[in-house]
């Protein structure tokens, strides 16, 4: 039960801090969303700490946020998570929670926690920082509105995460990082919250 309290407390703390920083004009609206995108990925560390061997409990927080994120998308409940205009919104936050739910279920049931860590952190840090850096420094767009700077950030972040998790398999992590970059590059906005983590997780299961 304490794991659920830690989980909900952490996620709502990230959302609350993002909302506060947005109101203080530290972030613009997109920065606020990316702060949440990156911050929530760290829930995986709480899950590894609190839910080891308890996969049925571990999937409860992601399942909850599938529903909450859809309601927020539909009714614009959490403004720090949603774009201002309905026409510019997408289901990215819902896909994020769906990926967490699927990977949590498999990773905790089959004891593949480090593989889940790489997949979730690649989505959180790789995709999140890639969008921020791509927007700020990206001069040349490639496809789907993605930039060279953003794609290289995705590559580097995934590589660093992979090597930290599996230092002896660093050569495989280079391969994984390039695949992650191409998946993110070729996927439309929002959908990469599904394709990146699920694609990386499946690839890791196959090669490790």
N, C-alpha and C. Protein backbone atom coordinates (compact mmCIF):
# COMPACT_ATOMS: atom_id res chain seq x y z
N UNK A 1 0.83 -1.21 0.00
CA UNK A 1 0.00 0.00 0.00
C UNK A 1 0.86 1.26 0.00
N UNK A 2 2.00 1.21 0.70
CA UNK A 2 2.86 2.39 0.74
C UNK A 2 3.37 2.74 -0.66
N UNK A 3 3.54 1.71 -1.51
CA UNK A 3 3.98 1.96 -2.87
C UNK A 3 2.99 2.79 -3.65
N UNK A 4 1.71 2.57 -3.42
CA UNK A 4 0.68 3.35 -4.10
C UNK A 4 0.70 4.80 -3.61
N UNK A 5 0.88 4.98 -2.31
CA UNK A 5 0.96 6.34 -1.77
C UNK A 5 2.17 7.08 -2.33
N UNK A 6 3.31 6.40 -2.38
CA UNK A 6 4.50 7.00 -2.96
C UNK A 6 4.26 7.36 -4.43
N UNK A 7 3.62 6.46 -5.15
CA UNK A 7 3.41 6.66 -6.59
C UNK A 7 2.52 7.86 -6.87
N UNK A 8 1.34 7.87 -6.24
CA UNK A 8 0.41 8.98 -6.49
C UNK A 8 0.97 10.29 -5.96
N UNK A 9 1.61 10.23 -4.79
CA UNK A 9 2.20 11.43 -4.24
C UNK A 9 3.27 12.01 -5.15
N UNK A 10 4.12 11.14 -5.70
CA UNK A 10 5.19 11.61 -6.57
C UNK A 10 4.64 12.22 -7.85
N UNK A 11 3.74 11.52 -8.52
CA UNK A 11 3.22 12.01 -9.80
C UNK A 11 2.49 13.33 -9.62
N UNK A 12 1.65 13.43 -8.60
CA UNK A 12 0.92 14.69 -8.39
C UNK A 12 1.86 15.81 -7.94
N UNK A 13 2.95 15.45 -7.26
CA UNK A 13 3.94 16.46 -6.90
C UNK A 13 4.62 17.02 -8.15
N UNK A 14 4.93 16.15 -9.10
CA UNK A 14 5.53 16.60 -10.37
C UNK A 14 4.56 17.52 -11.11
N UNK A 15 3.30 17.11 -11.19
CA UNK A 15 2.29 17.93 -11.87
C UNK A 15 2.11 19.27 -11.15
N UNK A 16 2.05 19.22 -9.81
CA UNK A 16 1.88 20.45 -9.04
C UNK A 16 3.05 21.40 -9.20
N UNK A 17 4.27 20.85 -9.17
CA UNK A 17 5.46 21.69 -9.34
C UNK A 17 5.48 22.31 -10.73
N UNK A 18 5.12 21.52 -11.72
CA UNK A 18 5.07 22.03 -13.09
C UNK A 18 4.06 23.17 -13.21
N UNK A 19 2.91 23.00 -12.60
CA UNK A 19 1.87 24.04 -12.64
C UNK A 19 2.37 25.32 -11.97
N UNK A 20 3.04 25.17 -10.82
CA UNK A 20 3.57 26.33 -10.10
C UNK A 20 4.62 27.06 -10.95
N UNK A 21 5.55 26.31 -11.54
CA UNK A 21 6.60 26.92 -12.35
C UNK A 21 6.02 27.60 -13.58
N UNK A 22 4.95 27.03 -14.11
CA UNK A 22 4.27 27.63 -15.25
C UNK A 22 3.66 28.98 -14.85
N UNK A 23 3.01 29.01 -13.69
CA UNK A 23 2.37 30.25 -13.23
C UNK A 23 3.41 31.31 -12.89
N UNK A 24 4.60 30.87 -12.48
CA UNK A 24 5.68 31.81 -12.18
C UNK A 24 6.45 32.23 -13.43
N UNK A 25 5.97 31.74 -14.59
CA UNK A 25 6.58 32.05 -15.89
C UNK A 25 8.01 31.52 -16.03
N UNK A 26 8.33 30.48 -15.25
CA UNK A 26 9.61 29.80 -15.42
C UNK A 26 9.58 28.98 -16.71
N UNK A 27 8.42 28.37 -16.98
CA UNK A 27 8.21 27.60 -18.20
C UNK A 27 7.13 28.26 -19.04
N UNK A 28 7.20 28.04 -20.35
CA UNK A 28 6.02 28.28 -21.17
C UNK A 28 5.18 27.01 -21.12
N UNK A 29 4.06 27.00 -21.83
CA UNK A 29 3.15 25.86 -21.75
C UNK A 29 3.82 24.56 -22.20
N UNK A 30 4.60 24.63 -23.28
CA UNK A 30 5.26 23.43 -23.78
C UNK A 30 6.32 22.95 -22.81
N UNK A 31 7.04 23.88 -22.20
CA UNK A 31 8.04 23.52 -21.20
C UNK A 31 7.43 22.83 -20.00
N UNK A 32 6.25 23.29 -19.61
CA UNK A 32 5.55 22.67 -18.49
C UNK A 32 5.18 21.23 -18.80
N UNK A 33 4.70 20.99 -20.02
CA UNK A 33 4.35 19.62 -20.41
C UNK A 33 5.58 18.72 -20.45
N UNK A 34 6.68 19.22 -20.96
CA UNK A 34 7.89 18.41 -21.04
C UNK A 34 8.48 18.16 -19.66
N UNK A 35 8.32 19.10 -18.73
CA UNK A 35 8.76 18.88 -17.35
C UNK A 35 8.02 17.67 -16.77
N UNK A 36 6.72 17.60 -17.01
CA UNK A 36 5.93 16.46 -16.53
C UNK A 36 6.35 15.19 -17.26
N UNK A 37 6.54 15.29 -18.57
CA UNK A 37 6.93 14.15 -19.40
C UNK A 37 8.21 13.51 -18.87
N UNK A 38 9.20 14.35 -18.56
CA UNK A 38 10.48 13.85 -18.05
C UNK A 38 10.34 13.41 -16.60
N UNK A 39 9.69 14.23 -15.80
CA UNK A 39 9.61 13.95 -14.37
C UNK A 39 8.89 12.67 -14.03
N UNK A 40 7.78 12.40 -14.70
CA UNK A 40 6.98 11.21 -14.39
C UNK A 40 7.74 9.93 -14.70
N UNK A 41 8.65 9.96 -15.66
CA UNK A 41 9.44 8.77 -15.98
C UNK A 41 10.19 8.25 -14.77
N UNK A 42 10.54 9.15 -13.85
CA UNK A 42 11.28 8.74 -12.66
C UNK A 42 10.44 7.91 -11.71
N UNK A 43 9.14 7.83 -11.96
CA UNK A 43 8.29 6.92 -11.18
C UNK A 43 8.81 5.50 -11.23
N UNK A 44 9.49 5.15 -12.33
CA UNK A 44 9.98 3.77 -12.45
C UNK A 44 10.92 3.42 -11.30
N UNK A 45 11.70 4.36 -10.82
CA UNK A 45 12.60 4.11 -9.70
C UNK A 45 11.80 3.81 -8.43
N UNK A 46 10.71 4.54 -8.23
CA UNK A 46 9.84 4.27 -7.09
C UNK A 46 9.22 2.89 -7.23
N UNK A 47 8.79 2.55 -8.43
CA UNK A 47 8.17 1.25 -8.67
C UNK A 47 9.16 0.12 -8.37
N UNK A 48 10.42 0.26 -8.83
CA UNK A 48 11.43 -0.77 -8.56
C UNK A 48 11.68 -0.91 -7.07
N UNK A 49 11.62 0.18 -6.35
CA UNK A 49 11.85 0.19 -4.91
C UNK A 49 10.67 -0.40 -4.14
N UNK A 50 9.45 -0.05 -4.56
CA UNK A 50 8.27 -0.38 -3.76
C UNK A 50 7.52 -1.64 -4.22
N UNK A 51 7.64 -1.99 -5.50
CA UNK A 51 6.75 -3.02 -6.03
C UNK A 51 7.46 -4.30 -6.49
N UNK A 52 8.72 -4.47 -6.16
CA UNK A 52 9.44 -5.65 -6.63
C UNK A 52 8.69 -6.92 -6.19
N UNK A 53 8.39 -7.79 -7.18
CA UNK A 53 7.66 -9.02 -6.91
C UNK A 53 6.16 -8.82 -6.71
N UNK A 54 5.65 -7.62 -6.97
CA UNK A 54 4.22 -7.33 -6.78
C UNK A 54 3.64 -6.67 -8.03
N UNK A 55 3.65 -7.40 -9.13
CA UNK A 55 3.27 -6.80 -10.40
C UNK A 55 1.81 -6.35 -10.41
N UNK A 56 0.95 -7.05 -9.67
CA UNK A 56 -0.47 -6.65 -9.66
C UNK A 56 -0.67 -5.29 -9.00
N UNK A 57 0.18 -4.96 -8.02
CA UNK A 57 0.12 -3.62 -7.43
C UNK A 57 0.81 -2.59 -8.32
N UNK A 58 1.89 -3.01 -8.95
CA UNK A 58 2.68 -2.08 -9.76
C UNK A 58 1.89 -1.50 -10.92
N UNK A 59 0.95 -2.28 -11.48
CA UNK A 59 0.21 -1.80 -12.65
C UNK A 59 -0.93 -0.84 -12.28
N UNK A 60 -1.25 -0.74 -10.99
CA UNK A 60 -2.39 0.10 -10.59
C UNK A 60 -2.16 1.58 -10.91
N UNK A 61 -1.02 2.18 -10.54
CA UNK A 61 -0.84 3.61 -10.87
C UNK A 61 -0.91 3.90 -12.37
N UNK A 62 -0.21 3.14 -13.24
CA UNK A 62 -0.35 3.44 -14.68
C UNK A 62 -1.78 3.27 -15.17
N UNK A 63 -2.48 2.25 -14.67
CA UNK A 63 -3.87 2.05 -15.09
C UNK A 63 -4.73 3.24 -14.69
N UNK A 64 -4.50 3.75 -13.48
CA UNK A 64 -5.24 4.92 -13.01
C UNK A 64 -5.02 6.11 -13.93
N UNK A 65 -3.76 6.31 -14.33
CA UNK A 65 -3.46 7.50 -15.12
C UNK A 65 -3.86 7.37 -16.59
N UNK A 66 -4.12 6.16 -17.05
CA UNK A 66 -4.74 6.03 -18.37
C UNK A 66 -6.10 6.73 -18.35
N UNK A 67 -6.87 6.46 -17.30
CA UNK A 67 -8.20 7.06 -17.17
C UNK A 67 -8.10 8.55 -16.90
N UNK A 68 -7.27 8.94 -15.93
CA UNK A 68 -7.15 10.35 -15.57
C UNK A 68 -6.62 11.19 -16.73
N UNK A 69 -5.64 10.66 -17.44
CA UNK A 69 -5.06 11.41 -18.56
C UNK A 69 -6.06 11.56 -19.70
N UNK A 70 -6.89 10.54 -19.91
CA UNK A 70 -7.91 10.68 -20.95
C UNK A 70 -8.95 11.73 -20.55
N UNK A 71 -9.35 11.70 -19.28
CA UNK A 71 -10.32 12.71 -18.82
C UNK A 71 -9.73 14.11 -18.91
N UNK A 72 -8.43 14.23 -18.61
CA UNK A 72 -7.77 15.53 -18.73
C UNK A 72 -7.73 15.98 -20.18
N UNK A 73 -7.42 15.05 -21.08
CA UNK A 73 -7.41 15.36 -22.52
C UNK A 73 -8.81 15.78 -22.99
N UNK A 74 -9.79 15.02 -22.56
CA UNK A 74 -11.16 15.26 -23.04
C UNK A 74 -11.75 16.55 -22.50
N UNK A 75 -11.47 16.85 -21.23
CA UNK A 75 -12.12 18.00 -20.59
C UNK A 75 -11.14 19.09 -20.16
N UNK A 76 -9.86 18.95 -20.54
CA UNK A 76 -8.83 19.94 -20.23
C UNK A 76 -8.76 20.20 -18.73
N UNK A 77 -8.68 19.12 -17.95
CA UNK A 77 -8.70 19.23 -16.50
C UNK A 77 -7.37 19.70 -15.93
N UNK A 78 -6.26 19.11 -16.42
CA UNK A 78 -4.93 19.48 -15.94
C UNK A 78 -4.25 20.32 -17.01
N UNK A 79 -4.37 21.62 -16.88
CA UNK A 79 -3.94 22.51 -17.95
C UNK A 79 -2.43 22.46 -18.18
N UNK A 80 -1.67 22.10 -17.17
CA UNK A 80 -0.22 22.01 -17.35
C UNK A 80 0.18 20.82 -18.21
N UNK A 81 -0.78 19.89 -18.43
CA UNK A 81 -0.50 18.72 -19.26
C UNK A 81 -1.03 18.85 -20.68
N UNK A 82 -1.93 19.79 -20.90
CA UNK A 82 -2.63 19.87 -22.17
C UNK A 82 -2.29 21.15 -22.92
N UNK A 83 -2.33 21.06 -24.25
CA UNK A 83 -2.18 22.27 -25.07
C UNK A 83 -3.45 23.10 -24.99
N UNK A 84 -3.30 24.40 -25.18
CA UNK A 84 -4.43 25.31 -24.98
C UNK A 84 -5.57 25.05 -25.95
N UNK A 85 -5.23 24.83 -27.21
CA UNK A 85 -6.25 24.66 -28.24
C UNK A 85 -6.58 23.19 -28.44
N UNK A 86 -7.86 22.86 -28.45
CA UNK A 86 -8.28 21.48 -28.65
C UNK A 86 -7.72 20.91 -29.95
N UNK A 87 -7.65 21.76 -30.98
CA UNK A 87 -7.19 21.30 -32.30
C UNK A 87 -5.73 20.88 -32.29
N UNK A 88 -4.94 21.39 -31.33
CA UNK A 88 -3.52 21.06 -31.29
C UNK A 88 -3.22 19.95 -30.28
N UNK A 89 -4.21 19.51 -29.54
CA UNK A 89 -3.99 18.46 -28.55
C UNK A 89 -3.89 17.10 -29.23
N UNK A 90 -3.25 16.18 -28.54
CA UNK A 90 -3.20 14.80 -29.01
C UNK A 90 -3.30 13.90 -27.79
N UNK A 91 -3.33 12.60 -28.04
CA UNK A 91 -3.49 11.64 -26.96
C UNK A 91 -2.15 11.18 -26.40
N UNK A 92 -1.12 11.99 -26.57
CA UNK A 92 0.22 11.61 -26.13
C UNK A 92 0.30 11.23 -24.67
N UNK A 93 -0.39 11.99 -23.79
CA UNK A 93 -0.33 11.67 -22.37
C UNK A 93 -1.03 10.36 -22.06
N UNK A 94 -2.08 10.05 -22.81
CA UNK A 94 -2.77 8.77 -22.64
C UNK A 94 -1.88 7.63 -23.12
N UNK A 95 -1.24 7.81 -24.27
CA UNK A 95 -0.32 6.79 -24.78
C UNK A 95 0.84 6.57 -23.82
N UNK A 96 1.30 7.64 -23.19
CA UNK A 96 2.38 7.55 -22.20
C UNK A 96 1.97 6.59 -21.09
N UNK A 97 0.77 6.78 -20.55
CA UNK A 97 0.28 5.93 -19.46
C UNK A 97 0.05 4.50 -19.93
N UNK A 98 -0.42 4.33 -21.17
CA UNK A 98 -0.61 2.98 -21.72
C UNK A 98 0.72 2.25 -21.82
N UNK A 99 1.74 2.94 -22.29
CA UNK A 99 3.07 2.32 -22.37
C UNK A 99 3.57 1.93 -20.98
N UNK A 100 3.40 2.82 -20.02
CA UNK A 100 3.79 2.50 -18.65
C UNK A 100 3.06 1.26 -18.15
N UNK A 101 1.77 1.17 -18.43
CA UNK A 101 0.97 0.04 -17.97
C UNK A 101 1.47 -1.28 -18.57
N UNK A 102 1.67 -1.29 -19.88
CA UNK A 102 2.10 -2.52 -20.57
C UNK A 102 3.49 -2.94 -20.11
N UNK A 103 4.42 -2.01 -20.10
CA UNK A 103 5.80 -2.34 -19.74
C UNK A 103 5.89 -2.72 -18.26
N UNK A 104 5.16 -2.02 -17.40
CA UNK A 104 5.15 -2.38 -15.98
C UNK A 104 4.67 -3.81 -15.78
N UNK A 105 3.57 -4.17 -16.45
CA UNK A 105 3.04 -5.52 -16.31
C UNK A 105 4.05 -6.58 -16.70
N UNK A 106 4.66 -6.43 -17.88
CA UNK A 106 5.61 -7.43 -18.35
C UNK A 106 6.90 -7.40 -17.54
N UNK A 107 7.42 -6.21 -17.27
CA UNK A 107 8.72 -6.10 -16.59
C UNK A 107 8.66 -6.63 -15.16
N UNK A 108 7.58 -6.35 -14.45
CA UNK A 108 7.49 -6.81 -13.07
C UNK A 108 7.09 -8.29 -12.99
N UNK A 109 6.33 -8.76 -13.94
CA UNK A 109 5.93 -10.17 -13.92
C UNK A 109 7.11 -11.07 -14.28
N UNK A 110 7.89 -10.67 -15.29
CA UNK A 110 9.00 -11.50 -15.76
C UNK A 110 10.36 -11.05 -15.21
N UNK A 111 10.36 -10.12 -14.25
CA UNK A 111 11.58 -9.61 -13.63
C UNK A 111 12.55 -9.05 -14.67
N UNK A 112 12.06 -8.09 -15.43
CA UNK A 112 12.85 -7.41 -16.46
C UNK A 112 12.92 -5.91 -16.15
N UNK A 113 13.22 -5.61 -14.89
CA UNK A 113 13.08 -4.24 -14.42
C UNK A 113 14.06 -3.28 -15.09
N UNK A 114 15.30 -3.72 -15.33
CA UNK A 114 16.26 -2.83 -15.97
C UNK A 114 15.91 -2.57 -17.43
N UNK A 115 15.31 -3.57 -18.08
CA UNK A 115 14.86 -3.35 -19.46
C UNK A 115 13.73 -2.32 -19.47
N UNK A 116 12.84 -2.43 -18.51
CA UNK A 116 11.78 -1.43 -18.39
C UNK A 116 12.32 -0.05 -18.09
N UNK A 117 13.36 0.00 -17.25
CA UNK A 117 13.98 1.29 -16.93
C UNK A 117 14.51 1.98 -18.18
N UNK A 118 15.21 1.25 -19.02
CA UNK A 118 15.75 1.84 -20.24
C UNK A 118 14.62 2.34 -21.15
N UNK A 119 13.60 1.52 -21.31
CA UNK A 119 12.49 1.89 -22.20
C UNK A 119 11.75 3.12 -21.71
N UNK A 120 11.46 3.16 -20.41
CA UNK A 120 10.70 4.28 -19.86
C UNK A 120 11.54 5.55 -19.81
N UNK A 121 12.81 5.43 -19.44
CA UNK A 121 13.67 6.60 -19.39
C UNK A 121 13.98 7.13 -20.80
N UNK A 122 14.04 6.24 -21.77
CA UNK A 122 14.23 6.70 -23.15
C UNK A 122 13.03 7.54 -23.59
N UNK A 123 11.83 7.09 -23.19
CA UNK A 123 10.63 7.87 -23.50
C UNK A 123 10.64 9.20 -22.74
N UNK A 124 10.95 9.12 -21.43
CA UNK A 124 10.90 10.33 -20.62
C UNK A 124 12.01 11.31 -20.93
N UNK A 125 13.24 10.87 -20.75
CA UNK A 125 14.38 11.76 -20.93
C UNK A 125 14.75 11.94 -22.41
N UNK A 126 14.80 10.84 -23.14
CA UNK A 126 15.21 10.93 -24.54
C UNK A 126 14.25 11.76 -25.38
N UNK A 127 12.99 11.36 -25.36
CA UNK A 127 11.99 12.07 -26.14
C UNK A 127 11.73 13.46 -25.57
N UNK A 128 11.67 13.56 -24.23
CA UNK A 128 11.39 14.85 -23.61
C UNK A 128 12.48 15.88 -23.85
N UNK A 129 13.72 15.50 -23.56
CA UNK A 129 14.83 16.43 -23.80
C UNK A 129 15.04 16.68 -25.28
N UNK A 130 14.78 15.65 -26.09
CA UNK A 130 14.90 15.83 -27.54
C UNK A 130 13.98 16.92 -28.05
N UNK A 131 12.75 16.94 -27.53
CA UNK A 131 11.80 17.97 -27.95
C UNK A 131 12.24 19.36 -27.48
N UNK A 132 12.72 19.44 -26.23
CA UNK A 132 13.15 20.74 -25.69
C UNK A 132 14.36 21.28 -26.45
N UNK A 133 15.38 20.44 -26.61
CA UNK A 133 16.60 20.88 -27.28
C UNK A 133 16.35 21.10 -28.77
N UNK A 134 15.53 20.26 -29.36
CA UNK A 134 15.21 20.44 -30.77
C UNK A 134 14.50 21.74 -31.03
N UNK A 135 13.60 22.11 -30.11
CA UNK A 135 12.87 23.37 -30.28
C UNK A 135 13.80 24.57 -30.12
N UNK A 136 14.74 24.46 -29.18
CA UNK A 136 15.61 25.61 -28.89
C UNK A 136 16.77 25.74 -29.87
N UNK A 137 17.37 24.61 -30.23
CA UNK A 137 18.59 24.67 -31.03
C UNK A 137 18.45 24.07 -32.43
N UNK A 138 17.34 23.38 -32.64
CA UNK A 138 17.17 22.72 -33.93
C UNK A 138 16.91 23.71 -35.05
N UNK A 139 17.80 23.77 -36.00
CA UNK A 139 17.65 24.68 -37.14
C UNK A 139 17.06 23.97 -38.35
N UNK A 140 17.32 22.68 -38.42
CA UNK A 140 16.93 21.96 -39.62
C UNK A 140 15.99 20.81 -39.27
N UNK A 141 14.79 20.86 -39.80
CA UNK A 141 13.82 19.79 -39.56
C UNK A 141 14.02 18.67 -40.57
N UNK A 142 13.77 17.44 -40.09
CA UNK A 142 13.96 16.27 -40.95
C UNK A 142 12.60 15.76 -41.43
N UNK A 143 11.80 15.24 -40.50
CA UNK A 143 10.47 14.75 -40.82
C UNK A 143 9.62 14.76 -39.57
N UNK A 144 8.29 14.81 -39.73
CA UNK A 144 7.35 14.84 -38.60
C UNK A 144 7.65 15.98 -37.62
N UNK A 145 8.23 17.07 -38.15
CA UNK A 145 8.56 18.21 -37.30
C UNK A 145 9.77 17.99 -36.41
N UNK A 146 10.48 16.87 -36.58
CA UNK A 146 11.65 16.56 -35.76
C UNK A 146 12.89 17.22 -36.36
N UNK A 147 13.84 17.53 -35.49
CA UNK A 147 15.08 18.20 -35.91
C UNK A 147 16.28 17.30 -35.70
N UNK A 148 17.39 17.65 -36.35
CA UNK A 148 18.63 16.90 -36.17
C UNK A 148 19.08 16.98 -34.71
N UNK A 149 19.01 18.18 -34.12
CA UNK A 149 19.43 18.35 -32.73
C UNK A 149 18.59 17.50 -31.78
N UNK A 150 17.28 17.47 -32.01
CA UNK A 150 16.41 16.68 -31.17
C UNK A 150 16.66 15.19 -31.31
N UNK A 151 16.89 14.74 -32.53
CA UNK A 151 17.14 13.32 -32.77
C UNK A 151 18.47 12.88 -32.16
N UNK A 152 19.49 13.72 -32.25
CA UNK A 152 20.78 13.40 -31.65
C UNK A 152 20.68 13.36 -30.12
N UNK A 153 19.84 14.22 -29.56
CA UNK A 153 19.60 14.20 -28.12
C UNK A 153 18.95 12.89 -27.71
N UNK A 154 17.98 12.44 -28.49
CA UNK A 154 17.33 11.15 -28.24
C UNK A 154 18.35 10.03 -28.27
N UNK A 155 19.21 10.05 -29.25
CA UNK A 155 20.25 9.03 -29.40
C UNK A 155 21.17 9.01 -28.18
N UNK A 156 21.67 10.19 -27.80
CA UNK A 156 22.63 10.28 -26.71
C UNK A 156 22.00 9.91 -25.37
N UNK A 157 20.79 10.38 -25.11
CA UNK A 157 20.13 10.08 -23.84
C UNK A 157 19.89 8.58 -23.69
N UNK A 158 19.39 7.94 -24.75
CA UNK A 158 19.14 6.50 -24.70
C UNK A 158 20.44 5.73 -24.51
N UNK A 159 21.49 6.16 -25.18
CA UNK A 159 22.79 5.50 -25.05
C UNK A 159 23.31 5.59 -23.61
N UNK A 160 23.24 6.77 -23.02
CA UNK A 160 23.72 6.95 -21.66
C UNK A 160 22.94 6.08 -20.68
N UNK A 161 21.63 6.08 -20.81
CA UNK A 161 20.78 5.27 -19.94
C UNK A 161 21.11 3.79 -20.10
N UNK A 162 21.24 3.35 -21.35
CA UNK A 162 21.53 1.95 -21.61
C UNK A 162 22.88 1.50 -21.05
N UNK A 163 23.89 2.33 -21.23
CA UNK A 163 25.23 1.98 -20.76
C UNK A 163 25.29 1.97 -19.24
N UNK A 164 24.58 2.88 -18.58
CA UNK A 164 24.52 2.87 -17.11
C UNK A 164 23.87 1.58 -16.62
N UNK A 165 22.81 1.15 -17.29
CA UNK A 165 22.09 -0.05 -16.87
C UNK A 165 22.86 -1.33 -17.20
N UNK A 166 23.50 -1.36 -18.39
CA UNK A 166 24.21 -2.55 -18.84
C UNK A 166 25.59 -2.16 -19.39
N UNK A 167 26.51 -1.79 -18.50
CA UNK A 167 27.82 -1.32 -18.98
C UNK A 167 28.59 -2.34 -19.80
N UNK A 168 28.44 -3.61 -19.49
CA UNK A 168 29.19 -4.63 -20.21
C UNK A 168 28.62 -4.87 -21.62
N UNK A 169 27.40 -4.45 -21.85
CA UNK A 169 26.79 -4.60 -23.17
C UNK A 169 26.71 -3.25 -23.89
N UNK A 170 27.72 -2.40 -23.69
CA UNK A 170 27.70 -1.06 -24.26
C UNK A 170 27.55 -1.07 -25.76
N UNK A 171 28.12 -2.07 -26.42
CA UNK A 171 28.03 -2.14 -27.88
C UNK A 171 26.60 -2.41 -28.34
N UNK A 172 25.86 -3.20 -27.56
CA UNK A 172 24.45 -3.41 -27.88
C UNK A 172 23.64 -2.15 -27.62
N UNK A 173 24.03 -1.39 -26.62
CA UNK A 173 23.32 -0.17 -26.30
C UNK A 173 23.47 0.88 -27.39
N UNK A 174 24.59 0.85 -28.11
CA UNK A 174 24.74 1.76 -29.25
C UNK A 174 23.70 1.42 -30.31
N UNK A 175 23.52 0.14 -30.56
CA UNK A 175 22.52 -0.32 -31.52
C UNK A 175 21.12 0.09 -31.06
N UNK A 176 20.81 -0.13 -29.78
CA UNK A 176 19.50 0.22 -29.24
C UNK A 176 19.25 1.72 -29.36
N UNK A 177 20.26 2.52 -29.09
CA UNK A 177 20.11 3.98 -29.15
C UNK A 177 19.80 4.44 -30.56
N UNK A 178 20.46 3.86 -31.56
CA UNK A 178 20.17 4.24 -32.94
C UNK A 178 18.76 3.82 -33.34
N UNK A 179 18.34 2.64 -32.93
CA UNK A 179 16.97 2.20 -33.23
C UNK A 179 15.96 3.13 -32.57
N UNK A 180 16.23 3.50 -31.31
CA UNK A 180 15.32 4.42 -30.60
C UNK A 180 15.22 5.74 -31.34
N UNK A 181 16.34 6.25 -31.80
CA UNK A 181 16.33 7.53 -32.52
C UNK A 181 15.48 7.44 -33.78
N UNK A 182 15.63 6.35 -34.53
CA UNK A 182 14.87 6.23 -35.78
C UNK A 182 13.39 5.99 -35.52
N UNK A 183 13.07 5.25 -34.47
CA UNK A 183 11.65 5.06 -34.13
C UNK A 183 11.01 6.40 -33.80
N UNK A 184 11.69 7.17 -32.94
CA UNK A 184 11.15 8.48 -32.56
C UNK A 184 11.06 9.42 -33.75
N UNK A 185 12.05 9.37 -34.61
CA UNK A 185 12.09 10.26 -35.77
C UNK A 185 10.95 9.98 -36.74
N UNK A 186 10.64 8.72 -36.94
CA UNK A 186 9.68 8.32 -37.96
C UNK A 186 8.24 8.24 -37.46
N UNK A 187 8.04 8.50 -36.17
CA UNK A 187 6.70 8.40 -35.59
C UNK A 187 6.10 9.78 -35.42
N UNK A 188 4.82 9.90 -35.74
CA UNK A 188 4.12 11.17 -35.59
C UNK A 188 4.04 11.59 -34.13
N UNK A 189 3.89 12.89 -33.89
CA UNK A 189 3.82 13.44 -32.55
C UNK A 189 2.73 12.76 -31.73
N UNK A 190 3.04 12.46 -30.50
CA UNK A 190 2.08 11.80 -29.61
C UNK A 190 2.22 10.30 -29.66
N UNK A 191 2.20 9.73 -30.85
CA UNK A 191 2.30 8.28 -31.00
C UNK A 191 3.66 7.75 -30.58
N UNK A 192 4.69 8.62 -30.56
CA UNK A 192 6.00 8.14 -30.15
C UNK A 192 6.03 7.76 -28.67
N UNK A 193 5.03 8.18 -27.90
CA UNK A 193 4.92 7.73 -26.52
C UNK A 193 4.52 6.26 -26.44
N UNK A 194 4.04 5.71 -27.54
CA UNK A 194 3.80 4.28 -27.64
C UNK A 194 4.96 3.57 -28.32
N UNK A 195 5.35 4.07 -29.48
CA UNK A 195 6.32 3.35 -30.30
C UNK A 195 7.71 3.31 -29.69
N UNK A 196 8.15 4.40 -29.08
CA UNK A 196 9.50 4.44 -28.52
C UNK A 196 9.66 3.46 -27.35
N UNK A 197 8.88 3.58 -26.28
CA UNK A 197 9.12 2.67 -25.15
C UNK A 197 8.80 1.21 -25.47
N UNK A 198 7.70 0.97 -26.18
CA UNK A 198 7.34 -0.42 -26.48
C UNK A 198 8.33 -1.04 -27.46
N UNK A 199 8.77 -0.25 -28.45
CA UNK A 199 9.75 -0.74 -29.41
C UNK A 199 11.08 -1.05 -28.75
N UNK A 200 11.54 -0.16 -27.87
CA UNK A 200 12.81 -0.38 -27.18
C UNK A 200 12.71 -1.59 -26.26
N UNK A 201 11.62 -1.68 -25.51
CA UNK A 201 11.45 -2.80 -24.58
C UNK A 201 11.46 -4.12 -25.33
N UNK A 202 10.74 -4.21 -26.43
CA UNK A 202 10.70 -5.45 -27.21
C UNK A 202 12.09 -5.77 -27.76
N UNK A 203 12.77 -4.77 -28.26
CA UNK A 203 14.12 -4.98 -28.79
C UNK A 203 15.05 -5.49 -27.71
N UNK A 204 14.99 -4.91 -26.52
CA UNK A 204 15.85 -5.34 -25.42
C UNK A 204 15.55 -6.77 -25.01
N UNK A 205 14.28 -7.13 -24.99
CA UNK A 205 13.89 -8.51 -24.64
C UNK A 205 14.51 -9.49 -25.65
N UNK A 206 14.55 -9.10 -26.90
CA UNK A 206 15.07 -9.99 -27.95
C UNK A 206 16.59 -10.12 -27.90
N UNK A 207 17.30 -9.02 -27.65
CA UNK A 207 18.76 -9.05 -27.80
C UNK A 207 19.50 -9.31 -26.50
N UNK A 208 18.83 -9.17 -25.34
CA UNK A 208 19.53 -9.38 -24.07
C UNK A 208 19.10 -10.70 -23.41
